[in-house]
Amino acid sequence: MALDKMEALETRIKGLVELVQSLKRANTALESELRTARERASKQEDQNREWKQERADIKSRIEKVLGDLEILECADGAQAEE
């Protein structure tokens, strides 16, 4: 009887050891996936910042060109009145 209990305990312990090893492997894989996802997110954030800056630069240039056009229109209007 005691031998049966010892074998049952041994079987349960082996099962738990296998479970722990499996969980450690899964944890390692998940940590790797998390690291990769964080790297991708960081790169995407950098790219988003670049696009926002580029968009702001383009907007500024367009506003300058529109301002130049407005000055030309005003100058043409003043010449037409003369």
PDB file of N, CA and C in Angstrom:
ATOM      1  N   MET A   1       0.818  -1.196   0.000  1.00  0.00           N
ATOM      2  CA  MET A   1       0.000   0.000   0.000  1.00  0.00           C
ATOM      3  C   MET A   1       0.861   1.259   0.000  1.00  0.00           C
ATOM      4  N   ALA A   2       1.872   1.294   0.857  1.00  0.00           N
ATOM      5  CA  ALA A   2       2.745   2.455   0.913  1.00  0.00           C
ATOM      6  C   ALA A   2       3.500   2.610  -0.397  1.00  0.00           C
ATOM      7  N   LEU A   3       3.820   1.483  -1.028  1.00  0.00           N
ATOM      8  CA  LEU A   3       4.531   1.531  -2.305  1.00  0.00           C
ATOM      9  C   LEU A   3       3.640   2.123  -3.389  1.00  0.00           C
ATOM     10  N   ASP A   4       2.359   1.795  -3.350  1.00  0.00           N
ATOM     11  CA  ASP A   4       1.412   2.353  -4.316  1.00  0.00           C
ATOM     12  C   ASP A   4       1.308   3.869  -4.153  1.00  0.00           C
ATOM     13  N   LYS A   5       1.247   4.317  -2.918  1.00  0.00           N
ATOM     14  CA  LYS A   5       1.173   5.756  -2.654  1.00  0.00           C
ATOM     15  C   LYS A   5       2.450   6.448  -3.121  1.00  0.00           C
ATOM     16  N   MET A   6       3.586   5.785  -2.906  1.00  0.00           N
ATOM     17  CA  MET A   6       4.864   6.365  -3.318  1.00  0.00           C
ATOM     18  C   MET A   6       4.926   6.464  -4.838  1.00  0.00           C
ATOM     19  N   GLU A   7       4.464   5.444  -5.554  1.00  0.00           N
ATOM     20  CA  GLU A   7       4.450   5.465  -7.017  1.00  0.00           C
ATOM     21  C   GLU A   7       3.495   6.539  -7.533  1.00  0.00           C
ATOM     22  N   ALA A   8       2.342   6.675  -6.901  1.00  0.00           N
ATOM     23  CA  ALA A   8       1.379   7.702  -7.297  1.00  0.00           C
ATOM     24  C   ALA A   8       1.971   9.091  -7.089  1.00  0.00           C
ATOM     25  N   LEU A   9       2.642   9.285  -5.960  1.00  0.00           N
ATOM     26  CA  LEU A   9       3.287  10.568  -5.672  1.00  0.00           C
ATOM     27  C   LEU A   9       4.388  10.849  -6.689  1.00  0.00           C
ATOM     28  N   GLU A  10       5.170   9.822  -7.011  1.00  0.00           N
ATOM     29  CA  GLU A  10       6.246   9.970  -7.983  1.00  0.00           C
ATOM     30  C   GLU A  10       5.678  10.345  -9.357  1.00  0.00           C
ATOM     31  N   THR A  11       4.593   9.711  -9.732  1.00  0.00           N
ATOM     32  CA  THR A  11       3.947  10.005 -11.018  1.00  0.00           C
ATOM     33  C   THR A  11       3.444  11.454 -11.046  1.00  0.00           C
ATOM     34  N   ARG A  12       2.839  11.875  -9.958  1.00  0.00           N
ATOM     35  CA  ARG A  12       2.343  13.260  -9.886  1.00  0.00           C
ATOM     36  C   ARG A  12       3.487  14.265  -9.938  1.00  0.00           C
ATOM     37  N   ILE A  13       4.573  13.957  -9.258  1.00  0.00           N
ATOM     38  CA  ILE A  13       5.733  14.855  -9.257  1.00  0.00           C
ATOM     39  C   ILE A  13       6.327  14.940 -10.658  1.00  0.00           C
ATOM     40  N   LYS A  14       6.447  13.806 -11.353  1.00  0.00           N
ATOM     41  CA  LYS A  14       6.962  13.822 -12.723  1.00  0.00           C
ATOM     42  C   LYS A  14       6.055  14.670 -13.618  1.00  0.00           C
ATOM     43  N   GLY A  15       4.762  14.514 -13.428  1.00  0.00           N
ATOM     44  CA  GLY A  15       3.809  15.310 -14.210  1.00  0.00           C
ATOM     45  C   GLY A  15       3.973  16.802 -13.940  1.00  0.00           C
ATOM     46  N   LEU A  16       4.175  17.142 -12.665  1.00  0.00           N
ATOM     47  CA  LEU A  16       4.364  18.553 -12.315  1.00  0.00           C
ATOM     48  C   LEU A  16       5.664  19.104 -12.873  1.00  0.00           C
ATOM     49  N   VAL A  17       6.718  18.294 -12.844  1.00  0.00           N
ATOM     50  CA  VAL A  17       8.003  18.721 -13.410  1.00  0.00           C
ATOM     51  C   VAL A  17       7.843  18.975 -14.913  1.00  0.00           C
ATOM     52  N   GLU A  18       7.156  18.078 -15.610  1.00  0.00           N
ATOM     53  CA  GLU A  18       6.910  18.266 -17.037  1.00  0.00           C
ATOM     54  C   GLU A  18       6.088  19.526 -17.289  1.00  0.00           C
ATOM     55  N   LEU A  19       5.096  19.761 -16.445  1.00  0.00           N
ATOM     56  CA  LEU A  19       4.263  20.959 -16.587  1.00  0.00           C
ATOM     57  C   LEU A  19       5.099  22.222 -16.387  1.00  0.00           C
ATOM     58  N   VAL A  20       5.940  22.232 -15.370  1.00  0.00           N
ATOM     59  CA  VAL A  20       6.794  23.397 -15.107  1.00  0.00           C
ATOM     60  C   VAL A  20       7.729  23.637 -16.287  1.00  0.00           C
ATOM     61  N   GLN A  21       8.324  22.572 -16.809  1.00  0.00           N
ATOM     62  CA  GLN A  21       9.227  22.717 -17.958  1.00  0.00           C
ATOM     63  C   GLN A  21       8.469  23.258 -19.170  1.00  0.00           C
ATOM     64  N   SER A  22       7.274  22.761 -19.383  1.00  0.00           N
ATOM     65  CA  SER A  22       6.451  23.228 -20.496  1.00  0.00           C
ATOM     66  C   SER A  22       6.093  24.703 -20.322  1.00  0.00           C
ATOM     67  N   LEU A  23       5.740  25.086 -19.112  1.00  0.00           N
ATOM     68  CA  LEU A  23       5.403  26.487 -18.840  1.00  0.00           C
ATOM     69  C   LEU A  23       6.618  27.396 -19.016  1.00  0.00           C
ATOM     70  N   LYS A  24       7.789  26.915 -18.634  1.00  0.00           N
ATOM     71  CA  LYS A  24       9.015  27.710 -18.824  1.00  0.00           C
ATOM     72  C   LYS A  24       9.288  27.921 -20.309  1.00  0.00           C
ATOM     73  N   ARG A  25       9.103  26.875 -21.114  1.00  0.00           N
ATOM     74  CA  ARG A  25       9.309  27.012 -22.566  1.00  0.00           C
ATOM     75  C   ARG A  25       8.296  27.994 -23.150  1.00  0.00           C
ATOM     76  N   ALA A  26       7.052  27.871 -22.725  1.00  0.00           N
ATOM     77  CA  ALA A  26       6.013  28.783 -23.213  1.00  0.00           C
ATOM     78  C   ALA A  26       6.322  30.218 -22.795  1.00  0.00           C
ATOM     79  N   ASN A  27       6.787  30.393 -21.569  1.00  0.00           N
ATOM     80  CA  ASN A  27       7.129  31.725 -21.066  1.00  0.00           C
ATOM     81  C   ASN A  27       8.265  32.331 -21.887  1.00  0.00           C
ATOM     82  N   THR A  28       9.270  31.525 -22.191  1.00  0.00           N
ATOM     83  CA  THR A  28      10.395  32.003 -23.001  1.00  0.00           C
ATOM     84  C   THR A  28       9.911  32.435 -24.383  1.00  0.00           C
ATOM     85  N   ALA A  29       9.051  31.635 -24.981  1.00  0.00           N
ATOM     86  CA  ALA A  29       8.512  31.974 -26.298  1.00  0.00           C
ATOM     87  C   ALA A  29       7.688  33.262 -26.228  1.00  0.00           C
ATOM     88  N   LEU A  30       6.868  33.399 -25.194  1.00  0.00           N
ATOM     89  CA  LEU A  30       6.046  34.604 -25.049  1.00  0.00           C
ATOM     90  C   LEU A  30       6.903  35.837 -24.794  1.00  0.00           C
ATOM     91  N   GLU A  31       7.964  35.692 -24.019  1.00  0.00           N
ATOM     92  CA  GLU A  31       8.863  36.826 -23.787  1.00  0.00           C
ATOM     93  C   GLU A  31       9.515  37.267 -25.088  1.00  0.00           C
ATOM     94  N   SER A  32       9.877  36.311 -25.932  1.00  0.00           N
ATOM     95  CA  SER A  32      10.469  36.628 -27.223  1.00  0.00           C
ATOM     96  C   SER A  32       9.451  37.356 -28.112  1.00  0.00           C
ATOM     97  N   GLU A  33       8.225  36.857 -28.138  1.00  0.00           N
ATOM     98  CA  GLU A  33       7.172  37.511 -28.921  1.00  0.00           C
ATOM     99  C   GLU A  33       6.914  38.920 -28.412  1.00  0.00           C
ATOM    100  N   LEU A  34       6.896  39.086 -27.102  1.00  0.00           N
ATOM    101  CA  LEU A  34       6.667  40.403 -26.507  1.00  0.00           C
ATOM    102  C   LEU A  34       7.786  41.367 -26.885  1.00  0.00           C
ATOM    103  N   ARG A  35       9.015  40.893 -26.819  1.00  0.00           N
ATOM    104  CA  ARG A  35      10.166  41.730 -27.175  1.00  0.00           C
ATOM    105  C   ARG A  35      10.054  42.168 -28.644  1.00  0.00           C
ATOM    106  N   THR A  36       9.697  41.227 -29.520  1.00  0.00           N
ATOM    107  CA  THR A  36       9.537  41.539 -30.941  1.00  0.00           C
ATOM    108  C   THR A  36       8.412  42.544 -31.150  1.00  0.00           C
ATOM    109  N   ALA A  37       7.305  42.356 -30.456  1.00  0.00           N
ATOM    110  CA  ALA A  37       6.170  43.277 -30.593  1.00  0.00           C
ATOM    111  C   ALA A  37       6.530  44.674 -30.093  1.00  0.00           C
ATOM    112  N   ARG A  38       7.267  44.745 -29.000  1.00  0.00           N
ATOM    113  CA  ARG A  38       7.688  46.057 -28.490  1.00  0.00           C
ATOM    114  C   ARG A  38       8.624  46.747 -29.464  1.00  0.00           C
ATOM    115  N   GLU A  39       9.524  45.987 -30.080  1.00  0.00           N
ATOM    116  CA  GLU A  39      10.436  46.570 -31.069  1.00  0.00           C
ATOM    117  C   GLU A  39       9.656  47.112 -32.265  1.00  0.00           C
ATOM    118  N   ARG A  40       8.669  46.334 -32.732  1.00  0.00           N
ATOM    119  CA  ARG A  40       7.839  46.788 -33.856  1.00  0.00           C
ATOM    120  C   ARG A  40       7.064  48.041 -33.478  1.00  0.00           C
ATOM    121  N   ALA A  41       6.515  48.054 -32.273  1.00  0.00           N
ATOM    122  CA  ALA A  41       5.744  49.226 -31.814  1.00  0.00           C
ATOM    123  C   ALA A  41       6.638  50.452 -31.724  1.00  0.00           C
ATOM    124  N   SER A  42       7.847  50.275 -31.252  1.00  0.00           N
ATOM    125  CA  SER A  42       8.784  51.390 -31.148  1.00  0.00           C
ATOM    126  C   SER A  42       9.131  51.935 -32.525  1.00  0.00           C
ATOM    127  N   LYS A  43       9.397  51.043 -33.470  1.00  0.00           N
ATOM    128  CA  LYS A  43       9.698  51.472 -34.841  1.00  0.00           C
ATOM    129  C   LYS A  43       8.501  52.201 -35.447  1.00  0.00           C
ATOM    130  N   GLN A  44       7.293  51.679 -35.176  1.00  0.00           N
ATOM    131  CA  GLN A  44       6.086  52.317 -35.712  1.00  0.00           C
ATOM    132  C   GLN A  44       5.897  53.710 -35.113  1.00  0.00           C
ATOM    133  N   GLU A  45       6.169  53.853 -33.823  1.00  0.00           N
ATOM    134  CA  GLU A  45       6.070  55.158 -33.184  1.00  0.00           C
ATOM    135  C   GLU A  45       7.067  56.138 -33.789  1.00  0.00           C
ATOM    136  N   ASP A  46       8.282  55.671 -34.047  1.00  0.00           N
ATOM    137  CA  ASP A  46       9.291  56.520 -34.686  1.00  0.00           C
ATOM    138  C   ASP A  46       8.820  56.961 -36.068  1.00  0.00           C
ATOM    139  N   GLN A  47       8.276  56.014 -36.814  1.00  0.00           N
ATOM    140  CA  GLN A  47       7.797  56.336 -38.156  1.00  0.00           C
ATOM    141  C   GLN A  47       6.625  57.316 -38.083  1.00  0.00           C
ATOM    142  N   ASN A  48       5.739  57.133 -37.120  1.00  0.00           N
ATOM    143  CA  ASN A  48       4.613  58.054 -36.957  1.00  0.00           C
ATOM    144  C   ASN A  48       5.102  59.463 -36.653  1.00  0.00           C
ATOM    145  N   ARG A  49       6.128  59.569 -35.794  1.00  0.00           N
ATOM    146  CA  ARG A  49       6.696  60.890 -35.492  1.00  0.00           C
ATOM    147  C   ARG A  49       7.284  61.529 -36.745  1.00  0.00           C
ATOM    148  N   GLU A  50       7.963  60.721 -37.548  1.00  0.00           N
ATOM    149  CA  GLU A  50       8.541  61.236 -38.790  1.00  0.00           C
ATOM    150  C   GLU A  50       7.443  61.730 -39.724  1.00  0.00           C
ATOM    151  N   TRP A  51       6.358  60.955 -39.845  1.00  0.00           N
ATOM    152  CA  TRP A  51       5.253  61.353 -40.723  1.00  0.00           C
ATOM    153  C   TRP A  51       4.585  62.626 -40.224  1.00  0.00           C
ATOM    154  N   LYS A  52       4.408  62.744 -38.920  1.00  0.00           N
ATOM    155  CA  LYS A  52       3.802  63.953 -38.371  1.00  0.00           C
ATOM    156  C   LYS A  52       4.671  65.172 -38.654  1.00  0.00           C
ATOM    157  N   GLN A  53       5.989  65.013 -38.509  1.00  0.00           N
ATOM    158  CA  GLN A  53       6.897  66.121 -38.789  1.00  0.00           C
ATOM    159  C   GLN A  53       6.858  66.479 -40.270  1.00  0.00           C
ATOM    160  N   GLU A  54       6.863  65.442 -41.109  1.00  0.00           N
ATOM    161  CA  GLU A  54       6.813  65.674 -42.554  1.00  0.00           C
ATOM    162  C   GLU A  54       5.504  66.371 -42.925  1.00  0.00           C
ATOM    163  N   ARG A  55       4.411  65.925 -42.331  1.00  0.00           N
ATOM    164  CA  ARG A  55       3.101  66.540 -42.588  1.00  0.00           C
ATOM    165  C   ARG A  55       3.095  68.002 -42.157  1.00  0.00           C
ATOM    166  N   ALA A  56       3.684  68.287 -41.001  1.00  0.00           N
ATOM    167  CA  ALA A  56       3.752  69.665 -40.520  1.00  0.00           C
ATOM    168  C   ALA A  56       4.615  70.514 -41.454  1.00  0.00           C
ATOM    169  N   ASP A  57       5.718  69.958 -41.946  1.00  0.00           N
ATOM    170  CA  ASP A  57       6.578  70.677 -42.888  1.00  0.00           C
ATOM    171  C   ASP A  57       5.836  70.980 -44.188  1.00  0.00           C
ATOM    172  N   ILE A  58       5.130  69.992 -44.698  1.00  0.00           N
ATOM    173  CA  ILE A  58       4.380  70.176 -45.938  1.00  0.00           C
ATOM    174  C   ILE A  58       3.285  71.221 -45.740  1.00  0.00           C
ATOM    175  N   LYS A  59       2.596  71.137 -44.614  1.00  0.00           N
ATOM    176  CA  LYS A  59       1.535  72.105 -44.331  1.00  0.00           C
ATOM    177  C   LYS A  59       2.110  73.523 -44.286  1.00  0.00           C
ATOM    178  N   SER A  60       3.248  73.670 -43.659  1.00  0.00           N
ATOM    179  CA  SER A  60       3.892  74.978 -43.563  1.00  0.00           C
ATOM    180  C   SER A  60       4.269  75.493 -44.947  1.00  0.00           C
ATOM    181  N   ARG A  61       4.808  74.625 -45.769  1.00  0.00           N
ATOM    182  CA  ARG A  61       5.200  75.040 -47.124  1.00  0.00           C
ATOM    183  C   ARG A  61       3.985  75.424 -47.951  1.00  0.00           C
ATOM    184  N   ILE A  62       2.908  74.658 -47.833  1.00  0.00           N
ATOM    185  CA  ILE A  62       1.682  74.971 -48.576  1.00  0.00           C
ATOM    186  C   ILE A  62       1.124  76.318 -48.122  1.00  0.00           C
ATOM    187  N   GLU A  63       1.112  76.541 -46.804  1.00  0.00           N
ATOM    188  CA  GLU A  63       0.613  77.822 -46.286  1.00  0.00           C
ATOM    189  C   GLU A  63       1.468  78.978 -46.801  1.00  0.00           C
ATOM    190  N   LYS A  64       2.774  78.765 -46.905  1.00  0.00           N
ATOM    191  CA  LYS A  64       3.661  79.815 -47.420  1.00  0.00           C
ATOM    192  C   LYS A  64       3.347  80.099 -48.878  1.00  0.00           C
ATOM    193  N   VAL A  65       3.175  79.024 -49.676  1.00  0.00           N
ATOM    194  CA  VAL A  65       2.853  79.200 -51.088  1.00  0.00           C
ATOM    195  C   VAL A  65       1.511  79.908 -51.241  1.00  0.00           C
ATOM    196  N   LEU A  66       0.527  79.521 -50.445  1.00  0.00           N
ATOM    197  CA  LEU A  66      -0.781  80.185 -50.505  1.00  0.00           C
ATOM    198  C   LEU A  66      -0.664  81.657 -50.126  1.00  0.00           C
ATOM    199  N   GLY A  67       0.170  81.934 -49.129  1.00  0.00           N
ATOM    200  CA  GLY A  67       0.401  83.331 -48.743  1.00  0.00           C
ATOM    201  C   GLY A  67       1.050  84.103 -49.877  1.00  0.00           C
ATOM    202  N   ASP A  68       2.012  83.496 -50.567  1.00  0.00           N
ATOM    203  CA  ASP A  68       2.660  84.135 -51.721  1.00  0.00           C
ATOM    204  C   ASP A  68       1.649  84.389 -52.831  1.00  0.00           C
ATOM    205  N   LEU A  69       0.770  83.415 -53.071  1.00  0.00           N
ATOM    206  CA  LEU A  69      -0.263  83.584 -54.101  1.00  0.00           C
ATOM    207  C   LEU A  69      -1.213  84.725 -53.737  1.00  0.00           C
ATOM    208  N   GLU A  70      -1.553  84.798 -52.485  1.00  0.00           N
ATOM    209  CA  GLU A  70      -2.448  85.866 -52.026  1.00  0.00           C
ATOM    210  C   GLU A  70      -1.805  87.239 -52.247  1.00  0.00           C
ATOM    211  N   ILE A  71      -0.510  87.323 -51.970  1.00  0.00           N
ATOM    212  CA  ILE A  71       0.215  88.583 -52.193  1.00  0.00           C
ATOM    213  C   ILE A  71       0.184  88.932 -53.679  1.00  0.00           C
ATOM    214  N   LEU A  72       0.374  87.922 -54.540  1.00  0.00           N
ATOM    215  CA  LEU A  72       0.337  88.167 -55.982  1.00  0.00           C
ATOM    216  C   LEU A  72      -1.050  88.623 -56.423  1.00  0.00           C
ATOM    217  N   GLU A  73      -2.085  87.993 -55.880  1.00  0.00           N
ATOM    218  CA  GLU A  73      -3.446  88.388 -56.237  1.00  0.00           C
ATOM    219  C   GLU A  73      -3.715  89.816 -55.809  1.00  0.00           C
ATOM    220  N   CYS A  74      -3.251  90.175 -54.634  1.00  0.00           N
ATOM    221  CA  CYS A  74      -3.436  91.548 -54.147  1.00  0.00           C
ATOM    222  C   CYS A  74      -2.674  92.537 -55.036  1.00  0.00           C
ATOM    223  N   ALA A  75      -1.468  92.148 -55.444  1.00  0.00           N
ATOM    224  CA  ALA A  75      -0.674  93.013 -56.312  1.00  0.00           C
ATOM    225  C   ALA A  75      -1.340  93.154 -57.674  1.00  0.00           C
ATOM    226  N   ASP A  76      -1.885  92.065 -58.221  1.00  0.00           N
ATOM    227  CA  ASP A  76      -2.586  92.120 -59.502  1.00  0.00           C
ATOM    228  C   ASP A  76      -3.833  92.980 -59.387  1.00  0.00           C
ATOM    229  N   GLY A  77      -4.531  92.868 -58.287  1.00  0.00           N
ATOM    230  CA  GLY A  77      -5.747  93.681 -58.068  1.00  0.00           C
ATOM    231  C   GLY A  77      -5.413  95.148 -57.973  1.00  0.00           C
ATOM    232  N   ALA A  78      -4.307  95.491 -57.330  1.00  0.00           N
ATOM    233  CA  ALA A  78      -3.907  96.883 -57.203  1.00  0.00           C
ATOM    234  C   ALA A  78      -3.497  97.454 -58.549  1.00  0.00           C
ATOM    235  N   GLN A  79      -2.825  96.638 -59.398  1.00  0.00           N
ATOM    236  CA  GLN A  79      -2.427  97.099 -60.721  1.00  0.00           C
ATOM    237  C   GLN A  79      -3.637  97.293 -61.621  1.00  0.00           C
ATOM    238  N   ALA A  80      -4.644  96.436 -61.476  1.00  0.00           N
ATOM    239  CA  ALA A  80      -5.849  96.539 -62.306  1.00  0.00           C
ATOM    240  C   ALA A  80      -6.617  97.796 -61.973  1.00  0.00           C
ATOM    241  N   GLU A  81      -6.574  98.253 -60.750  1.00  0.00           N
ATOM    242  CA  GLU A  81      -7.283  99.460 -60.324  1.00  0.00           C
ATOM    243  C   GLU A  81      -6.603 100.721 -60.854  1.00  0.00           C
ATOM    244  N   GLU A  82      -5.320 100.640 -61.130  1.00  0.00           N
ATOM    245  CA  GLU A  82      -4.594 101.836 -61.561  1.00  0.00           C
ATOM    246  C   GLU A  82      -4.888 102.167 -62.937  1.00  0.00           C
TER     247      GLU A  82
END
